[in-house]
Amino acid sequence: MRKYKKLSHSVYCCDYHIVFVPKYRHRLMDFPELKAEVEKSIEMISEWMGCEIKEKNVQKDHVHLVVSIPPKISVSKYVGTVKGKVAIKIFKTFKGLKKQKYWGNHFWARGYFVNTLGIEEEMIRRYVKYQEKEERKEEEQNNRFNLF
């Protein structure tokens, strides 16, 4: 059974599956310090905005979130705020990144994927939770058959 949340004038259950990637899809979250900073920042910003992260998976080259966003906040406002504030925090913490000429002032690629969760919510939650394990298996299989 879904748990409904209440605001002063509304009752809601707005859960979204959101995916976004770093600029040029670089595998930056392969660095443990950077990955930890991204995770911590996403959690802090979401809490500050009144959004609840139900599942989170920060991978080498993308971020998966299952998040409950209240109706007073649009999905684009949430994603824009998270991506913007995380980028600012990353560039302040890891000053060497900004020195790379291809970054400019942008850590994340433009755009994002979003899907509302409905009947298949549990399936998507499992996918977000275990996707990295499946991706590793696939990479290992591809490496075994690599001819070069």
C-alpha atoms as a PDB file:
ATOM      1  CA  MET A   1       0.000   0.000   0.000  1.00  0.00           C
ATOM      2  CA  ARG A   2       1.295   3.421  -0.921  1.00  0.00           C
ATOM      3  CA  LYS A   3       1.841   5.929   1.833  1.00  0.00           C
ATOM      4  CA  TYR A   4       0.236   9.270   1.168  1.00  0.00           C
ATOM      5  CA  LYS A   5       1.723  12.489   2.440  1.00  0.00           C
ATOM      6  CA  LYS A   6      -0.108  15.617   3.483  1.00  0.00           C
ATOM      7  CA  LEU A   7       0.505  19.302   3.002  1.00  0.00           C
ATOM      8  CA  SER A   8      -1.771  21.996   4.371  1.00  0.00           C
ATOM      9  CA  HIS A   9      -4.129  21.814   1.370  1.00  0.00           C
ATOM     10  CA  SER A  10      -3.270  18.575  -0.401  1.00  0.00           C
ATOM     11  CA  VAL A  11      -2.698  14.866  -0.015  1.00  0.00           C
ATOM     12  CA  TYR A  12      -0.186  13.407  -2.440  1.00  0.00           C
ATOM     13  CA  CYS A  13       1.968  10.508  -3.488  1.00  0.00           C
ATOM     14  CA  CYS A  14       4.288  11.812  -6.214  1.00  0.00           C
ATOM     15  CA  ASP A  15       7.239   9.466  -6.691  1.00  0.00           C
ATOM     16  CA  TYR A  16       9.639   9.867  -9.595  1.00  0.00           C
ATOM     17  CA  HIS A  17      12.519   7.894 -11.066  1.00  0.00           C
ATOM     18  CA  ILE A  18      15.154  10.459 -12.128  1.00  0.00           C
ATOM     19  CA  VAL A  19      18.454   9.856 -13.955  1.00  0.00           C
ATOM     20  CA  PHE A  20      21.102  12.422 -14.857  1.00  0.00           C
ATOM     21  CA  VAL A  21      24.736  12.230 -16.021  1.00  0.00           C
ATOM     22  CA  PRO A  22      27.965  14.237 -15.727  1.00  0.00           C
ATOM     23  CA  LYS A  23      29.073  16.317 -18.693  1.00  0.00           C
ATOM     24  CA  TYR A  24      30.498  14.137 -21.478  1.00  0.00           C
ATOM     25  CA  ARG A  25      29.413  11.161 -19.335  1.00  0.00           C
ATOM     26  CA  HIS A  26      32.842  11.091 -17.681  1.00  0.00           C
ATOM     27  CA  ARG A  27      33.228   8.382 -15.033  1.00  0.00           C
ATOM     28  CA  LEU A  28      33.946  10.866 -12.263  1.00  0.00           C
ATOM     29  CA  MET A  29      32.066   9.113  -9.494  1.00  0.00           C
ATOM     30  CA  ASP A  30      34.685   6.378  -9.755  1.00  0.00           C
ATOM     31  CA  PHE A  31      36.616   8.535  -7.261  1.00  0.00           C
ATOM     32  CA  PRO A  32      35.296   7.639  -3.786  1.00  0.00           C
ATOM     33  CA  GLU A  33      35.671  11.168  -2.338  1.00  0.00           C
ATOM     34  CA  LEU A  34      33.750  12.738  -5.214  1.00  0.00           C
ATOM     35  CA  LYS A  35      31.052  10.056  -5.112  1.00  0.00           C
ATOM     36  CA  ALA A  36      30.586  10.540  -1.358  1.00  0.00           C
ATOM     37  CA  GLU A  37      30.315  14.315  -1.807  1.00  0.00           C
ATOM     38  CA  VAL A  38      27.702  13.919  -4.559  1.00  0.00           C
ATOM     39  CA  GLU A  39      25.646  11.509  -2.415  1.00  0.00           C
ATOM     40  CA  LYS A  40      25.826  13.718   0.673  1.00  0.00           C
ATOM     41  CA  SER A  41      24.963  16.868  -1.281  1.00  0.00           C
ATOM     42  CA  ILE A  42      21.959  15.263  -2.994  1.00  0.00           C
ATOM     43  CA  GLU A  43      20.618  14.098   0.372  1.00  0.00           C
ATOM     44  CA  MET A  44      21.094  17.516   2.010  1.00  0.00           C
ATOM     45  CA  ILE A  45      19.515  19.463  -0.860  1.00  0.00           C
ATOM     46  CA  SER A  46      16.566  17.057  -1.094  1.00  0.00           C
ATOM     47  CA  GLU A  47      15.906  17.342   2.630  1.00  0.00           C
ATOM     48  CA  TRP A  48      16.185  21.152   2.426  1.00  0.00           C
ATOM     49  CA  MET A  49      13.601  21.180  -0.410  1.00  0.00           C
ATOM     50  CA  GLY A  50      11.217  18.886   1.498  1.00  0.00           C
ATOM     51  CA  CYS A  51      11.716  15.931  -0.860  1.00  0.00           C
ATOM     52  CA  GLU A  52      12.256  12.369   0.316  1.00  0.00           C
ATOM     53  CA  ILE A  53      14.821  10.154  -1.388  1.00  0.00           C
ATOM     54  CA  LYS A  54      13.496   6.595  -1.375  1.00  0.00           C
ATOM     55  CA  GLU A  55      16.317   5.005  -3.391  1.00  0.00           C
ATOM     56  CA  LYS A  56      19.639   6.461  -4.508  1.00  0.00           C
ATOM     57  CA  ASN A  57      22.400   4.939  -6.599  1.00  0.00           C
ATOM     58  CA  VAL A  58      25.364   7.065  -7.642  1.00  0.00           C
ATOM     59  CA  GLN A  59      27.283   5.181 -10.313  1.00  0.00           C
ATOM     60  CA  LYS A  60      30.518   5.967 -12.135  1.00  0.00           C
ATOM     61  CA  ASP A  61      28.839   7.908 -14.930  1.00  0.00           C
ATOM     62  CA  HIS A  62      25.247   8.573 -13.841  1.00  0.00           C
ATOM     63  CA  VAL A  63      22.914   9.074 -10.887  1.00  0.00           C
ATOM     64  CA  HIS A  64      19.634   7.209 -10.262  1.00  0.00           C
ATOM     65  CA  LEU A  65      17.109   8.601  -7.794  1.00  0.00           C
ATOM     66  CA  VAL A  66      13.673   7.468  -6.691  1.00  0.00           C
ATOM     67  CA  VAL A  67      12.356  10.546  -4.959  1.00  0.00           C
ATOM     68  CA  SER A  68       9.049  11.755  -3.575  1.00  0.00           C
ATOM     69  CA  ILE A  69       8.522  15.376  -4.612  1.00  0.00           C
ATOM     70  CA  PRO A  70       5.634  17.397  -3.152  1.00  0.00           C
ATOM     71  CA  PRO A  71       3.241  18.944  -5.687  1.00  0.00           C
ATOM     72  CA  LYS A  72       4.332  22.485  -4.769  1.00  0.00           C
ATOM     73  CA  ILE A  73       7.739  21.738  -6.369  1.00  0.00           C
ATOM     74  CA  SER A  74       7.989  20.886 -10.061  1.00  0.00           C
ATOM     75  CA  VAL A  75      10.260  18.054 -11.142  1.00  0.00           C
ATOM     76  CA  SER A  76      12.299  20.443 -13.303  1.00  0.00           C
ATOM     77  CA  LYS A  77      12.768  22.802 -10.328  1.00  0.00           C
ATOM     78  CA  TYR A  78      13.933  19.879  -8.161  1.00  0.00           C
ATOM     79  CA  VAL A  79      16.378  18.507 -10.751  1.00  0.00           C
ATOM     80  CA  GLY A  80      17.687  21.970 -11.640  1.00  0.00           C
ATOM     81  CA  THR A  81      18.288  22.841  -7.996  1.00  0.00           C
ATOM     82  CA  VAL A  82      19.968  19.521  -7.192  1.00  0.00           C
ATOM     83  CA  LYS A  83      22.212  19.579 -10.258  1.00  0.00           C
ATOM     84  CA  GLY A  84      23.109  23.251  -9.793  1.00  0.00           C
ATOM     85  CA  LYS A  85      23.893  23.152  -6.097  1.00  0.00           C
ATOM     86  CA  VAL A  86      25.789  19.858  -6.326  1.00  0.00           C
ATOM     87  CA  ALA A  87      27.914  21.279  -9.172  1.00  0.00           C
ATOM     88  CA  ILE A  88      28.748  24.384  -7.135  1.00  0.00           C
ATOM     89  CA  LYS A  89      29.720  22.232  -4.134  1.00  0.00           C
ATOM     90  CA  ILE A  90      31.839  19.882  -6.274  1.00  0.00           C
ATOM     91  CA  PHE A  91      33.730  22.713  -7.968  1.00  0.00           C
ATOM     92  CA  LYS A  92      34.409  24.369  -4.589  1.00  0.00           C
ATOM     93  CA  THR A  93      35.582  21.127  -3.007  1.00  0.00           C
ATOM     94  CA  PHE A  94      37.560  19.731  -5.967  1.00  0.00           C
ATOM     95  CA  LYS A  95      39.188  22.868  -7.398  1.00  0.00           C
ATOM     96  CA  GLY A  96      41.267  20.878  -9.892  1.00  0.00           C
ATOM     97  CA  LEU A  97      38.129  19.943 -11.852  1.00  0.00           C
ATOM     98  CA  LYS A  98      37.361  23.519 -12.805  1.00  0.00           C
ATOM     99  CA  LYS A  99      40.865  23.955 -14.244  1.00  0.00           C
ATOM    100  CA  GLN A 100      40.062  21.432 -16.976  1.00  0.00           C
ATOM    101  CA  LYS A 101      39.237  23.507 -20.064  1.00  0.00           C
ATOM    102  CA  TYR A 102      36.293  21.316 -21.159  1.00  0.00           C
ATOM    103  CA  TRP A 103      34.270  21.797 -17.961  1.00  0.00           C
ATOM    104  CA  GLY A 104      33.530  25.504 -17.992  1.00  0.00           C
ATOM    105  CA  ASN A 105      31.059  26.003 -15.149  1.00  0.00           C
ATOM    106  CA  HIS A 106      29.065  22.866 -15.896  1.00  0.00           C
ATOM    107  CA  PHE A 107      29.489  19.591 -14.029  1.00  0.00           C
ATOM    108  CA  TRP A 108      26.318  17.892 -15.301  1.00  0.00           C
ATOM    109  CA  ALA A 109      25.183  17.295 -18.871  1.00  0.00           C
ATOM    110  CA  ARG A 110      22.085  19.133 -20.009  1.00  0.00           C
ATOM    111  CA  GLY A 111      18.800  17.351 -19.469  1.00  0.00           C
ATOM    112  CA  TYR A 112      17.659  14.378 -17.438  1.00  0.00           C
ATOM    113  CA  PHE A 113      15.340  11.367 -17.568  1.00  0.00           C
ATOM    114  CA  VAL A 114      12.206  11.271 -15.432  1.00  0.00           C
ATOM    115  CA  ASN A 115       9.422   8.722 -15.062  1.00  0.00           C
ATOM    116  CA  THR A 116       6.530   8.637 -12.632  1.00  0.00           C
ATOM    117  CA  LEU A 117       6.228   5.528 -10.513  1.00  0.00           C
ATOM    118  CA  GLY A 118       2.982   3.695 -10.660  1.00  0.00           C
ATOM    119  CA  ILE A 119       2.180   0.013 -10.857  1.00  0.00           C
ATOM    120  CA  GLU A 120       5.776  -0.932 -11.655  1.00  0.00           C
ATOM    121  CA  GLU A 121       7.194   0.996  -8.672  1.00  0.00           C
ATOM    122  CA  GLU A 122       8.684  -2.035  -6.941  1.00  0.00           C
ATOM    123  CA  MET A 123      10.326  -3.218 -10.174  1.00  0.00           C
ATOM    124  CA  ILE A 124      11.947   0.199 -10.705  1.00  0.00           C
ATOM    125  CA  ARG A 125      13.079   0.360  -7.087  1.00  0.00           C
ATOM    126  CA  ARG A 126      14.809  -3.016  -7.460  1.00  0.00           C
ATOM    127  CA  TYR A 127      16.357  -1.892 -10.746  1.00  0.00           C
ATOM    128  CA  VAL A 128      17.789   1.253  -9.129  1.00  0.00           C
ATOM    129  CA  LYS A 129      19.065  -0.704  -6.146  1.00  0.00           C
ATOM    130  CA  TYR A 130      20.719  -3.572  -8.046  1.00  0.00           C
ATOM    131  CA  GLN A 131      21.501  -1.987 -11.432  1.00  0.00           C
ATOM    132  CA  GLU A 132      25.194  -1.503 -10.665  1.00  0.00           C
ATOM    133  CA  LYS A 133      25.659  -5.213  -9.919  1.00  0.00           C
ATOM    134  CA  GLU A 134      24.038  -6.149 -13.244  1.00  0.00           C
ATOM    135  CA  GLU A 135      26.111  -3.566 -15.101  1.00  0.00           C
ATOM    136  CA  ARG A 136      29.332  -5.027 -13.644  1.00  0.00           C
ATOM    137  CA  LYS A 137      28.338  -8.532 -14.783  1.00  0.00           C
ATOM    138  CA  GLU A 138      27.682  -7.198 -18.277  1.00  0.00           C
ATOM    139  CA  GLU A 139      31.055  -5.387 -18.385  1.00  0.00           C
ATOM    140  CA  GLU A 140      32.862  -8.548 -17.251  1.00  0.00           C
ATOM    141  CA  GLN A 141      31.151 -10.576 -19.979  1.00  0.00           C
ATOM    142  CA  ASN A 142      32.057  -7.968 -22.606  1.00  0.00           C
ATOM    143  CA  ASN A 143      35.687  -7.956 -21.440  1.00  0.00           C
ATOM    144  CA  ARG A 144      35.921 -11.744 -21.818  1.00  0.00           C
ATOM    145  CA  PHE A 145      34.853 -11.560 -25.450  1.00  0.00           C
ATOM    146  CA  ASN A 146      36.970  -8.543 -26.306  1.00  0.00           C
ATOM    147  CA  LEU A 147      39.239  -9.373 -29.251  1.00  0.00           C
ATOM    148  CA  PHE A 148      41.705  -6.546 -28.739  1.00  0.00           C
END
